[in-house]
Protein backbone atom coordinates (compact mmCIF):
# COMPACT_ATOMS: atom_id res chain seq x y z
CA MET A 1 -22.82 -2.03 -101.72
CA SER A 2 -23.41 -2.91 -98.07
CA THR A 3 -24.04 -6.49 -96.98
CA LEU A 4 -26.67 -7.12 -94.32
CA VAL A 5 -27.31 -10.36 -92.47
CA VAL A 6 -31.04 -10.82 -91.89
CA THR A 7 -31.74 -13.63 -89.43
CA GLY A 8 -35.25 -15.08 -89.45
CA GLY A 9 -35.60 -13.75 -92.98
CA ALA A 10 -38.01 -16.49 -94.06
CA GLY A 11 -40.46 -15.67 -91.27
CA PHE A 12 -43.29 -13.17 -91.19
CA ILE A 13 -41.60 -9.85 -90.41
CA GLY A 14 -38.26 -10.90 -91.87
CA THR A 15 -39.84 -11.77 -95.22
CA ASN A 16 -41.55 -8.39 -95.40
CA PHE A 17 -38.31 -6.64 -94.45
CA VAL A 18 -36.37 -8.45 -97.18
CA ARG A 19 -38.94 -7.38 -99.75
CA LEU A 20 -38.84 -3.78 -98.56
CA LEU A 21 -35.06 -3.57 -98.87
CA LEU A 22 -34.96 -5.21 -102.28
CA ASP A 23 -37.48 -2.60 -103.41
CA GLN A 24 -35.87 0.44 -101.83
CA ALA A 25 -32.18 -0.12 -101.04
CA ASP A 26 -28.95 -0.95 -102.84
CA VAL A 27 -27.80 -3.76 -100.55
CA ASN A 28 -26.75 -7.39 -100.54
CA LEU A 29 -28.81 -9.55 -98.20
CA VAL A 30 -27.65 -12.74 -96.50
CA ILE A 31 -30.88 -14.35 -95.30
CA VAL A 32 -30.42 -16.82 -92.45
CA ASP A 33 -33.28 -19.02 -91.32
CA LYS A 34 -33.64 -22.36 -89.55
CA LEU A 35 -36.88 -23.03 -91.48
CA THR A 36 -38.96 -24.13 -88.53
CA TYR A 37 -42.74 -24.57 -88.83
CA ALA A 38 -43.27 -20.80 -89.28
CA GLY A 39 -40.37 -20.09 -91.63
CA HIS A 40 -40.79 -21.19 -95.23
CA LEU A 41 -38.76 -20.79 -98.40
CA ILE A 42 -42.01 -20.26 -100.29
CA ASN A 43 -42.16 -16.88 -98.54
CA LEU A 44 -39.07 -15.97 -100.57
CA ASP A 45 -39.83 -17.83 -103.80
CA ASP A 46 -39.78 -14.74 -105.97
CA VAL A 47 -36.65 -13.16 -104.47
CA LEU A 48 -34.20 -16.05 -104.15
CA ASP A 49 -33.06 -15.61 -107.77
CA ASP A 50 -32.14 -11.99 -107.13
CA PRO A 51 -28.31 -11.73 -107.39
CA ARG A 52 -28.32 -9.56 -104.26
CA VAL A 53 -29.76 -12.40 -102.16
CA THR A 54 -27.94 -15.28 -100.51
CA PHE A 55 -29.92 -17.79 -98.45
CA VAL A 56 -28.36 -19.90 -95.68
CA GLN A 57 -30.37 -22.48 -93.78
CA ALA A 58 -28.91 -22.43 -90.28
CA ASP A 59 -29.75 -22.14 -86.60
CA ILE A 60 -28.61 -18.88 -85.01
CA ALA A 61 -27.64 -20.89 -81.92
CA ASP A 62 -25.07 -22.81 -84.02
CA ARG A 63 -21.83 -20.95 -83.31
CA ALA A 64 -19.81 -22.56 -86.08
CA ALA A 65 -22.46 -21.80 -88.69
CA MET A 66 -22.79 -18.18 -87.57
CA ASP A 67 -19.02 -17.66 -87.47
CA ALA A 68 -18.84 -18.99 -91.01
CA ILE A 69 -21.46 -16.51 -92.18
CA PHE A 70 -19.59 -13.56 -90.67
CA HIS A 71 -16.29 -14.77 -92.15
CA ALA A 72 -17.68 -15.42 -95.63
CA HIS A 73 -19.87 -12.35 -96.08
CA ARG A 74 -18.22 -9.61 -93.94
CA PRO A 75 -21.50 -7.82 -93.14
CA GLN A 76 -21.94 -4.18 -92.22
CA ALA A 77 -25.00 -5.00 -90.12
CA VAL A 78 -27.02 -7.79 -88.54
CA ILE A 79 -30.78 -7.47 -88.17
CA ASN A 80 -32.01 -10.16 -85.80
CA PHE A 81 -35.61 -11.17 -86.49
CA ALA A 82 -35.02 -14.84 -85.64
CA ALA A 83 -37.27 -15.87 -82.77
CA GLU A 84 -39.85 -18.28 -81.54
CA SER A 85 -42.76 -15.89 -81.20
CA HIS A 86 -46.10 -17.51 -80.41
CA VAL A 87 -47.13 -17.06 -76.77
CA ASP A 88 -49.40 -20.11 -76.74
CA ARG A 89 -46.58 -22.37 -77.94
CA SER A 90 -44.29 -20.98 -75.23
CA ILE A 91 -46.82 -22.03 -72.61
CA ASP A 92 -46.86 -25.61 -73.88
CA HIS A 93 -43.17 -25.94 -74.75
CA PRO A 94 -40.89 -23.13 -73.48
CA GLY A 95 -37.62 -24.89 -74.34
CA PRO A 96 -37.33 -23.75 -77.98
CA PHE A 97 -37.92 -20.16 -76.86
CA ILE A 98 -34.92 -20.36 -74.54
CA ASP A 99 -32.78 -22.01 -77.22
CA THR A 100 -33.53 -19.56 -80.03
CA ASN A 101 -34.46 -16.31 -78.34
CA ILE A 102 -31.82 -16.30 -75.60
CA VAL A 103 -29.04 -18.68 -76.64
CA GLY A 104 -29.36 -17.75 -80.31
CA THR A 105 -29.11 -14.04 -79.56
CA PHE A 106 -26.10 -14.68 -77.32
CA VAL A 107 -24.34 -16.62 -80.09
CA LEU A 108 -24.96 -13.83 -82.61
CA LEU A 109 -23.61 -11.25 -80.17
CA GLU A 110 -20.48 -13.31 -79.54
CA CYS A 111 -19.93 -13.82 -83.27
CA ALA A 112 -20.31 -10.11 -83.90
CA ARG A 113 -17.94 -9.27 -81.07
CA GLN A 114 -15.30 -11.68 -82.39
CA TYR A 115 -15.80 -10.42 -85.94
CA LEU A 116 -15.27 -6.79 -84.97
CA ARG A 117 -12.12 -7.54 -82.98
CA ALA A 118 -10.24 -8.07 -86.22
CA ALA A 119 -12.16 -5.50 -88.27
CA PRO A 120 -10.75 -2.16 -89.42
CA ARG A 121 -11.81 0.93 -87.50
CA SER A 122 -13.98 2.07 -90.40
CA LEU A 123 -16.14 -1.06 -90.11
CA LEU A 124 -16.42 -0.70 -86.33
CA ASP A 125 -17.81 2.80 -86.80
CA GLU A 126 -20.26 1.60 -89.47
CA PHE A 127 -21.40 -1.76 -88.07
CA ARG A 128 -24.80 -2.16 -86.41
CA PHE A 129 -26.41 -5.05 -84.55
CA LEU A 130 -30.14 -4.36 -84.61
CA HIS A 131 -32.19 -6.62 -82.36
CA VAL A 132 -35.92 -6.73 -83.09
CA SER A 133 -38.01 -7.26 -79.96
CA THR A 134 -41.55 -6.90 -78.66
CA ASP A 135 -43.69 -4.77 -76.36
CA GLU A 136 -44.52 -7.92 -74.38
CA VAL A 137 -41.26 -7.56 -72.45
CA TYR A 138 -42.88 -4.69 -70.55
CA GLY A 139 -45.70 -6.83 -69.16
CA THR A 140 -49.20 -5.47 -68.95
CA LEU A 141 -50.85 -2.05 -68.72
CA GLY A 142 -53.97 -0.94 -66.94
CA PRO A 143 -56.69 1.06 -68.69
CA THR A 144 -54.42 4.08 -69.22
CA GLY A 145 -50.80 4.85 -70.09
CA LYS A 146 -48.37 3.52 -72.68
CA PHE A 147 -45.04 1.71 -72.74
CA SER A 148 -42.07 4.03 -73.19
CA GLU A 149 -38.42 3.11 -73.68
CA ASP A 150 -37.95 3.63 -69.93
CA THR A 151 -40.77 1.31 -68.82
CA PRO A 152 -39.35 -1.42 -66.52
CA TYR A 153 -39.42 -4.95 -67.87
CA ALA A 154 -42.02 -7.26 -66.32
CA PRO A 155 -42.61 -10.21 -68.69
CA ASN A 156 -45.51 -12.52 -67.84
CA THR A 157 -45.11 -15.43 -70.27
CA PRO A 158 -42.19 -17.69 -71.24
CA TYR A 159 -42.12 -16.01 -74.65
CA ALA A 160 -41.97 -12.52 -73.18
CA ALA A 161 -39.34 -13.58 -70.63
CA SER A 162 -37.13 -15.06 -73.36
CA LYS A 163 -37.32 -11.85 -75.38
CA ALA A 164 -36.65 -9.76 -72.27
CA ALA A 165 -33.54 -11.83 -71.52
CA ALA A 166 -32.33 -11.34 -75.09
CA ASP A 167 -32.90 -7.58 -74.85
CA HIS A 168 -30.84 -7.45 -71.67
CA LEU A 169 -28.00 -9.33 -73.34
CA VAL A 170 -28.02 -6.95 -76.30
CA ARG A 171 -27.97 -3.96 -73.98
CA ALA A 172 -25.16 -5.46 -71.90
CA TYR A 173 -22.98 -6.08 -74.95
CA TYR A 174 -23.16 -2.40 -75.77
CA HIS A 175 -22.31 -1.25 -72.26
CA THR A 176 -19.65 -3.88 -71.58
CA TYR A 177 -18.01 -4.37 -74.98
CA ARG A 178 -19.21 -1.27 -76.84
CA LEU A 179 -20.69 -3.51 -79.51
CA PRO A 180 -22.84 -1.06 -81.55
CA THR A 181 -26.22 -2.56 -80.74
CA ILE A 182 -29.71 -1.07 -81.06
CA ILE A 183 -32.99 -2.54 -79.79
CA THR A 184 -36.46 -1.99 -81.21
CA ASN A 185 -39.65 -2.99 -79.39
CA CYS A 186 -42.79 -3.16 -81.47
CA SER A 187 -46.51 -3.59 -80.91
CA ASN A 188 -48.59 -6.39 -82.49
CA ASN A 189 -47.78 -6.82 -86.17
CA TYR A 190 -50.18 -7.97 -88.86
CA GLY A 191 -50.08 -8.28 -92.63
CA PRO A 192 -49.11 -10.65 -95.46
CA TYR A 193 -47.10 -13.83 -94.79
CA GLN A 194 -48.08 -14.12 -91.11
CA PHE A 195 -48.32 -17.76 -90.05
CA PRO A 196 -51.96 -18.69 -89.33
CA GLU A 197 -51.44 -19.37 -85.61
CA LYS A 198 -51.72 -15.63 -84.91
CA LEU A 199 -55.06 -13.94 -84.23
CA ILE A 200 -55.78 -12.10 -87.49
CA PRO A 201 -54.89 -14.82 -90.04
CA LEU A 202 -56.39 -17.56 -87.84
CA VAL A 203 -59.71 -15.75 -87.51
CA LEU A 204 -59.70 -14.80 -91.17
CA LEU A 205 -59.11 -18.34 -92.44
CA ASN A 206 -61.58 -19.85 -89.96
CA ALA A 207 -64.21 -17.40 -91.13
CA ILE A 208 -63.66 -18.30 -94.78
CA GLU A 209 -64.08 -21.96 -93.88
CA GLY A 210 -67.09 -21.41 -91.62
CA LYS A 211 -65.23 -22.51 -88.50
CA PRO A 212 -65.56 -20.97 -85.00
CA LEU A 213 -63.75 -17.69 -84.41
CA PRO A 214 -62.14 -18.13 -80.97
CA VAL A 215 -62.01 -15.09 -78.68
CA TYR A 216 -60.11 -15.57 -75.41
CA GLY A 217 -61.95 -14.74 -72.19
CA THR A 218 -64.29 -11.79 -72.59
CA GLY A 219 -62.44 -10.39 -75.60
CA HIS A 220 -61.60 -7.19 -73.74
CA HIS A 221 -57.81 -7.56 -73.86
CA VAL A 222 -56.37 -4.62 -75.79
CA ARG A 223 -53.60 -4.67 -78.40
CA ASP A 224 -51.93 -1.86 -80.35
CA TRP A 225 -51.78 -2.95 -84.01
CA LEU A 226 -48.93 -2.09 -86.38
CA PHE A 227 -49.02 -2.95 -90.09
CA VAL A 228 -45.94 -5.01 -90.93
CA ARG A 229 -44.80 -2.80 -93.84
CA ASP A 230 -44.80 0.22 -91.52
CA HIS A 231 -42.81 -1.74 -88.97
CA CYS A 232 -40.25 -2.74 -91.58
CA GLU A 233 -39.89 0.86 -92.72
CA GLY A 234 -39.29 1.77 -89.08
CA ILE A 235 -36.59 -0.85 -88.69
CA TRP A 236 -34.86 0.36 -91.85
CA CYS A 237 -35.06 3.90 -90.49
CA VAL A 238 -33.49 2.81 -87.18
CA LEU A 239 -30.74 0.92 -88.99
CA GLN A 240 -29.82 4.03 -90.97
CA LYS A 241 -30.31 6.72 -88.33
CA GLY A 242 -30.49 5.05 -84.92
CA VAL A 243 -27.88 5.65 -82.23
CA PRO A 244 -25.93 2.67 -80.87
CA GLY A 245 -26.86 1.84 -77.30
CA GLU A 246 -30.37 3.23 -77.74
CA LYS A 247 -33.73 1.50 -77.95
CA TYR A 248 -36.76 2.64 -79.93
CA ASN A 249 -40.42 1.74 -79.47
CA LEU A 250 -42.44 1.28 -82.69
CA GLY A 251 -46.20 1.28 -82.38
CA GLY A 252 -49.21 1.80 -84.58
CA ASN A 253 -51.28 3.89 -82.15
CA GLN A 254 -54.20 1.69 -83.16
CA GLU A 255 -55.60 0.14 -79.98
CA ARG A 256 -58.42 -2.36 -80.31
CA THR A 257 -59.88 -4.97 -78.00
CA ASN A 258 -59.53 -8.49 -79.31
CA LEU A 259 -63.28 -8.63 -79.80
CA GLN A 260 -63.23 -5.40 -81.81
CA THR A 261 -60.40 -6.82 -83.90
CA VAL A 262 -62.33 -10.01 -84.68
CA GLN A 263 -65.43 -7.99 -85.55
CA ALA A 264 -63.35 -5.78 -87.86
CA ILE A 265 -61.97 -8.86 -89.62
CA CYS A 266 -65.54 -10.07 -90.20
CA ARG A 267 -66.62 -6.73 -91.68
CA THR A 268 -63.55 -6.46 -93.88
CA LEU A 269 -63.80 -10.03 -95.12
CA ASP A 270 -67.44 -9.46 -96.03
CA ARG A 271 -66.34 -6.80 -98.54
CA HIS A 272 -63.88 -9.17 -100.23
CA LEU A 273 -65.82 -12.43 -99.87
CA PRO A 274 -69.45 -11.69 -98.95
CA ALA A 275 -70.80 -13.97 -96.25
CA THR A 276 -74.03 -14.43 -98.20
CA GLN A 277 -72.00 -16.03 -101.00
CA ASN A 278 -69.93 -18.28 -98.74
CA THR A 279 -71.24 -21.85 -98.96
CA ALA A 280 -69.41 -22.81 -95.75
CA LEU A 281 -71.73 -20.43 -93.87
CA ALA A 282 -74.81 -21.29 -95.88
CA ARG A 283 -74.49 -24.95 -94.90
CA GLN A 284 -74.82 -23.86 -91.27
CA GLY A 285 -77.73 -21.51 -91.90
CA LEU A 286 -75.55 -18.46 -91.20
CA SER A 287 -75.52 -15.19 -93.12
CA GLN A 288 -72.84 -13.17 -91.25
CA TYR A 289 -69.26 -13.96 -90.33
CA ASP A 290 -69.62 -12.57 -86.81
CA GLN A 291 -72.14 -15.32 -86.07
CA LEU A 292 -69.10 -17.61 -85.87
CA ILE A 293 -67.58 -15.75 -82.88
CA THR A 294 -67.05 -18.14 -79.98
CA PHE A 295 -65.72 -17.20 -76.53
CA VAL A 296 -63.19 -19.69 -75.15
CA ASP A 297 -61.19 -20.10 -71.93
CA ASP A 298 -58.62 -17.36 -71.48
CA ARG A 299 -54.90 -17.85 -72.05
CA PRO A 300 -52.73 -18.37 -68.93
CA GLY A 301 -50.77 -15.20 -68.11
CA HIS A 302 -52.79 -13.18 -70.63
CA ASP A 303 -51.70 -9.53 -70.44
CA LEU A 304 -54.61 -7.11 -70.25
CA ARG A 305 -53.37 -4.32 -72.47
CA TYR A 306 -50.42 -3.25 -74.60
CA ALA A 307 -49.90 0.24 -75.97
CA ILE A 308 -46.71 1.75 -77.38
CA ASP A 309 -45.54 5.33 -77.02
CA ALA A 310 -43.59 5.90 -80.25
CA THR A 311 -42.80 9.55 -79.52
CA LYS A 312 -39.03 9.02 -79.36
CA ILE A 313 -38.59 7.50 -82.82
CA ALA A 314 -40.92 10.08 -84.35
CA ARG A 315 -39.07 12.96 -82.72
CA GLU A 316 -35.50 11.74 -83.19
CA LEU A 317 -35.63 9.71 -86.42
CA GLY A 318 -38.77 10.96 -88.15
CA TRP A 319 -40.60 7.62 -88.42
CA ARG A 320 -44.38 7.34 -88.18
CA PRO A 321 -46.65 4.52 -89.38
CA ARG A 322 -48.48 5.26 -92.64
CA HIS A 323 -51.42 2.86 -92.20
CA ASP A 324 -54.31 3.03 -89.79
CA PHE A 325 -55.82 -0.28 -88.69
CA GLU A 326 -58.65 -0.25 -91.21
CA SER A 327 -56.46 0.37 -94.26
CA GLY A 328 -53.83 -2.14 -93.16
CA LEU A 329 -56.47 -4.74 -92.39
CA ASP A 330 -58.03 -4.28 -95.83
CA VAL A 331 -54.67 -5.00 -97.50
CA THR A 332 -54.15 -7.98 -95.21
CA VAL A 333 -57.56 -9.55 -95.80
CA GLN A 334 -57.27 -9.14 -99.55
CA TRP A 335 -53.83 -10.79 -99.51
CA TYR A 336 -55.07 -13.86 -97.60
CA VAL A 337 -58.17 -14.21 -99.76
CA GLU A 338 -55.95 -14.18 -102.85
CA HIS A 339 -53.27 -16.49 -101.40
CA ARG A 340 -55.24 -19.47 -100.17
CA GLU A 341 -52.70 -21.83 -101.74
CA TRP A 342 -49.93 -20.25 -99.65
CA CYS A 343 -52.04 -20.73 -96.52
CA ALA A 344 -52.57 -24.40 -97.31
CA ARG A 345 -48.90 -25.03 -98.05
CA VAL A 346 -47.48 -23.45 -94.89
CA GLN A 347 -49.96 -25.30 -92.67
CA SER A 348 -49.65 -28.71 -94.31
CA ASP A 349 -48.40 -31.48 -91.98
CA ASN A 350 -47.55 -29.16 -89.09
CA TYR A 351 -50.54 -27.09 -87.99
CA GLY A 352 -54.29 -27.42 -88.18
CA ARG A 353 -55.20 -24.16 -86.42
CA GLU A 354 -55.85 -26.09 -83.22
CA ARG A 355 -55.88 -24.32 -79.86
CA LEU A 356 -52.47 -24.23 -78.17
CA GLY A 357 -51.35 -22.99 -74.77
CA LEU A 358 -53.57 -25.17 -72.60
CA MET A 359 -50.85 -27.34 -71.05
CA HIS A 360 -52.17 -26.54 -67.58
CA LYS A 361 -55.36 -28.45 -68.42
CA GLN A 362 -53.64 -31.49 -69.91
CA GLY A 363 -51.75 -32.90 -66.96
């Protein structure tokens, strides 16, 4: 049975990936997470007793801790989800993004390189270091075109720049040291267990509570949405079939403006929790969730449009997303409606869904 190290495994995408593998694969999982504000053990409550799971609370930038994990568990692969990921937070406080996304990735690469130096040839041939990244490293698109694996990097926010730097390190370790690395770059994820600072859960929870639904600028910024389960299936596909030294773009081919996305959340929520039965709206004399939409000042460095060309992974590895935006959103909305206690617990004492990323207006 193979052993995989999953960093950031208590976060949004990592949690969904862990669940996918426990459902579908015969593997041992060593879950590593620092348990920052967006990583919670409650995300893993029902899997921590599985004998295939080992959890280690540690910072990926801690060299001694990472060396100990490699030495103790002798993994066949590392899947690096660990990252600070919220653009607005990177605008206010970029330091943690440098520490985790760049330094942390560097430490993992060095640990893997040292580990493989003493490994038998059979492990060297089998081992994979899969680094999970974002389409934001490519910058912004105009009204047409899509990001391909050959699109030059042009990050426009501290978050995107930190992920771009990490990608370059991962690529360099393949070309310099022949460390068997693979990079994936995905479009915007959504689904269960996403921390409520991100657009879809934030809007969804605000709507339930009758609070304003903030839309940045004119709401015409475009994102390509990818349901998290589809993304995790794609990562598992890349880990099994991907070629070391390559990178693969994973996208949902589901472009929506932010305003269209917020409107779709309102429509979908109305099917699961009708606005006419929501007392939080009734107290304000409102009968529709979209009456809560409020346009706010735009985000600094806000990229106009993202869109992923996922032709390569479809052609070479056979992966395609199984959910369109509407079906994935329906699953997502139902999950949040049914898991209000989870929402309250992960936000308690550390986040009140306040607006972040406005540091330029504070000083």
